[in-house]
Amino acid sequence: MIGPPILLVKLITLVLSLVIASLAYHGYRRSDSPPMLYVSAGFVFIGVGAICEGLIYRAFDTSLLSAALVQALIVSCGMLLILASLTFGDD
């Protein structure tokens, strides 16, 4: 069972990442800057990755290792999107 402190920290991470994603999306809408859209999508992936490990472990009855691997892949995709936004900027 996931303890309350872990659940609380994961929910805080989800909320913060979605707030940042929302701000980045509004920045994209204001400035029409594609990198801001990548930042927004990246933080959505990071937020979803924060909570998906426990959900996958419980819902699909997988091993903890498999659930952690899926979480790491989702968070890594988010990081790659943020990296792309910093690397490929407005050319």
C-alpha atoms as a PDB file:
ATOM      1  CA  MET A   1       0.000   0.000   0.000  1.00  0.00           C
ATOM      2  CA  ILE A   2       1.150   3.512  -0.810  1.00  0.00           C
ATOM      3  CA  GLY A   3       1.599   5.486   2.392  1.00  0.00           C
ATOM      4  CA  PRO A   4      -0.058   8.886   2.887  1.00  0.00           C
ATOM      5  CA  PRO A   5       3.234  10.863   2.874  1.00  0.00           C
ATOM      6  CA  ILE A   6       4.257   9.366  -0.482  1.00  0.00           C
ATOM      7  CA  LEU A   7       0.810   9.965  -1.935  1.00  0.00           C
ATOM      8  CA  LEU A   8       0.848  13.572  -0.729  1.00  0.00           C
ATOM      9  CA  VAL A   9       4.257  14.278  -2.259  1.00  0.00           C
ATOM     10  CA  LYS A  10       3.266  12.693  -5.572  1.00  0.00           C
ATOM     11  CA  LEU A  11       0.043  14.730  -5.694  1.00  0.00           C
ATOM     12  CA  ILE A  12       1.960  17.930  -4.944  1.00  0.00           C
ATOM     13  CA  THR A  13       4.361  17.078  -7.782  1.00  0.00           C
ATOM     14  CA  LEU A  14       1.422  16.486 -10.130  1.00  0.00           C
ATOM     15  CA  VAL A  15      -0.289  19.747  -9.218  1.00  0.00           C
ATOM     16  CA  LEU A  16       2.912  21.800  -9.518  1.00  0.00           C
ATOM     17  CA  SER A  17       3.798  20.310 -12.881  1.00  0.00           C
ATOM     18  CA  LEU A  18       0.305  20.962 -14.222  1.00  0.00           C
ATOM     19  CA  VAL A  19       0.421  24.570 -12.984  1.00  0.00           C
ATOM     20  CA  ILE A  20       3.775  25.066 -14.722  1.00  0.00           C
ATOM     21  CA  ALA A  21       2.407  23.391 -17.873  1.00  0.00           C
ATOM     22  CA  SER A  22      -0.598  25.711 -17.799  1.00  0.00           C
ATOM     23  CA  LEU A  23       1.605  28.792 -17.444  1.00  0.00           C
ATOM     24  CA  ALA A  24       3.854  27.600 -20.274  1.00  0.00           C
ATOM     25  CA  TYR A  25       0.817  26.997 -22.484  1.00  0.00           C
ATOM     26  CA  HIS A  26      -0.490  30.483 -21.794  1.00  0.00           C
ATOM     27  CA  GLY A  27       2.982  31.790 -22.661  1.00  0.00           C
ATOM     28  CA  TYR A  28       2.780  29.880 -25.928  1.00  0.00           C
ATOM     29  CA  ARG A  29      -0.628  31.391 -26.703  1.00  0.00           C
ATOM     30  CA  ARG A  30       0.603  34.917 -25.953  1.00  0.00           C
ATOM     31  CA  SER A  31       3.896  34.775 -27.832  1.00  0.00           C
ATOM     32  CA  ASP A  32       3.128  32.049 -30.403  1.00  0.00           C
ATOM     33  CA  SER A  33       6.501  30.505 -29.498  1.00  0.00           C
ATOM     34  CA  PRO A  34       6.658  26.757 -30.283  1.00  0.00           C
ATOM     35  CA  PRO A  35       9.324  26.064 -27.618  1.00  0.00           C
ATOM     36  CA  MET A  36       6.827  27.094 -24.931  1.00  0.00           C
ATOM     37  CA  LEU A  37       4.448  24.454 -26.247  1.00  0.00           C
ATOM     38  CA  TYR A  38       7.200  21.838 -25.863  1.00  0.00           C
ATOM     39  CA  VAL A  39       7.845  23.018 -22.301  1.00  0.00           C
ATOM     40  CA  SER A  40       4.147  22.726 -21.536  1.00  0.00           C
ATOM     41  CA  ALA A  41       3.915  19.208 -22.947  1.00  0.00           C
ATOM     42  CA  GLY A  42       7.111  18.218 -21.156  1.00  0.00           C
ATOM     43  CA  PHE A  43       5.738  19.225 -17.769  1.00  0.00           C
ATOM     44  CA  VAL A  44       2.499  17.345 -18.441  1.00  0.00           C
ATOM     45  CA  PHE A  45       4.559  14.201 -19.069  1.00  0.00           C
ATOM     46  CA  ILE A  46       6.577  14.801 -15.897  1.00  0.00           C
ATOM     47  CA  GLY A  47       3.413  15.279 -13.847  1.00  0.00           C
ATOM     48  CA  VAL A  48       1.756  12.176 -15.230  1.00  0.00           C
ATOM     49  CA  GLY A  49       4.975  10.256 -14.678  1.00  0.00           C
ATOM     50  CA  ALA A  50       4.928  11.283 -11.032  1.00  0.00           C
ATOM     51  CA  ILE A  51       1.709   9.402 -10.345  1.00  0.00           C
ATOM     52  CA  CYS A  52       1.703   6.643 -12.931  1.00  0.00           C
ATOM     53  CA  GLU A  53       4.013   4.227 -11.126  1.00  0.00           C
ATOM     54  CA  GLY A  54       1.534   3.476  -8.355  1.00  0.00           C
ATOM     55  CA  LEU A  55      -1.406   3.399 -10.756  1.00  0.00           C
ATOM     56  CA  ILE A  56       0.295   0.954 -13.110  1.00  0.00           C
ATOM     57  CA  TYR A  57       1.445  -1.205 -10.209  1.00  0.00           C
ATOM     58  CA  ARG A  58      -2.061  -1.410  -8.756  1.00  0.00           C
ATOM     59  CA  ALA A  59      -4.293  -1.343 -11.849  1.00  0.00           C
ATOM     60  CA  PHE A  60      -2.357  -3.786 -14.022  1.00  0.00           C
ATOM     61  CA  ASP A  61      -0.909  -5.923 -11.230  1.00  0.00           C
ATOM     62  CA  THR A  62       2.616  -5.617 -12.627  1.00  0.00           C
ATOM     63  CA  SER A  63       5.901  -5.877 -10.804  1.00  0.00           C
ATOM     64  CA  LEU A  64       7.259  -2.782  -9.119  1.00  0.00           C
ATOM     65  CA  LEU A  65      10.227  -2.893 -11.475  1.00  0.00           C
ATOM     66  CA  SER A  66       7.947  -2.768 -14.549  1.00  0.00           C
ATOM     67  CA  ALA A  67       5.926   0.102 -13.117  1.00  0.00           C
ATOM     68  CA  ALA A  68       9.095   2.038 -12.274  1.00  0.00           C
ATOM     69  CA  LEU A  69      10.403   1.466 -15.792  1.00  0.00           C
ATOM     70  CA  VAL A  70       7.239   2.886 -17.351  1.00  0.00           C
ATOM     71  CA  GLN A  71       7.391   5.875 -14.986  1.00  0.00           C
ATOM     72  CA  ALA A  72      11.025   6.539 -15.903  1.00  0.00           C
ATOM     73  CA  LEU A  73      10.194   6.369 -19.622  1.00  0.00           C
ATOM     74  CA  ILE A  74       7.318   8.842 -19.280  1.00  0.00           C
ATOM     75  CA  VAL A  75       9.375  11.280 -17.217  1.00  0.00           C
ATOM     76  CA  SER A  76      12.279  10.916 -19.669  1.00  0.00           C
ATOM     77  CA  CYS A  77       9.962  11.816 -22.552  1.00  0.00           C
ATOM     78  CA  GLY A  78       8.972  14.950 -20.673  1.00  0.00           C
ATOM     79  CA  MET A  79      12.604  15.846 -20.098  1.00  0.00           C
ATOM     80  CA  LEU A  80      13.349  15.306 -23.794  1.00  0.00           C
ATOM     81  CA  LEU A  81      10.538  17.685 -24.739  1.00  0.00           C
ATOM     82  CA  ILE A  82      11.934  20.346 -22.421  1.00  0.00           C
ATOM     83  CA  LEU A  83      15.429  19.743 -23.773  1.00  0.00           C
ATOM     84  CA  ALA A  84      14.099  20.103 -27.325  1.00  0.00           C
ATOM     85  CA  SER A  85      12.476  23.413 -26.397  1.00  0.00           C
ATOM     86  CA  LEU A  86      15.809  24.714 -25.102  1.00  0.00           C
ATOM     87  CA  THR A  87      17.869  23.312 -27.955  1.00  0.00           C
ATOM     88  CA  PHE A  88      15.763  24.048 -31.007  1.00  0.00           C
ATOM     89  CA  GLY A  89      14.366  27.462 -29.881  1.00  0.00           C
ATOM     90  CA  ASP A  90      12.899  30.047 -32.224  1.00  0.00           C
ATOM     91  CA  ASP A  91      15.132  29.865 -35.275  1.00  0.00           C
END
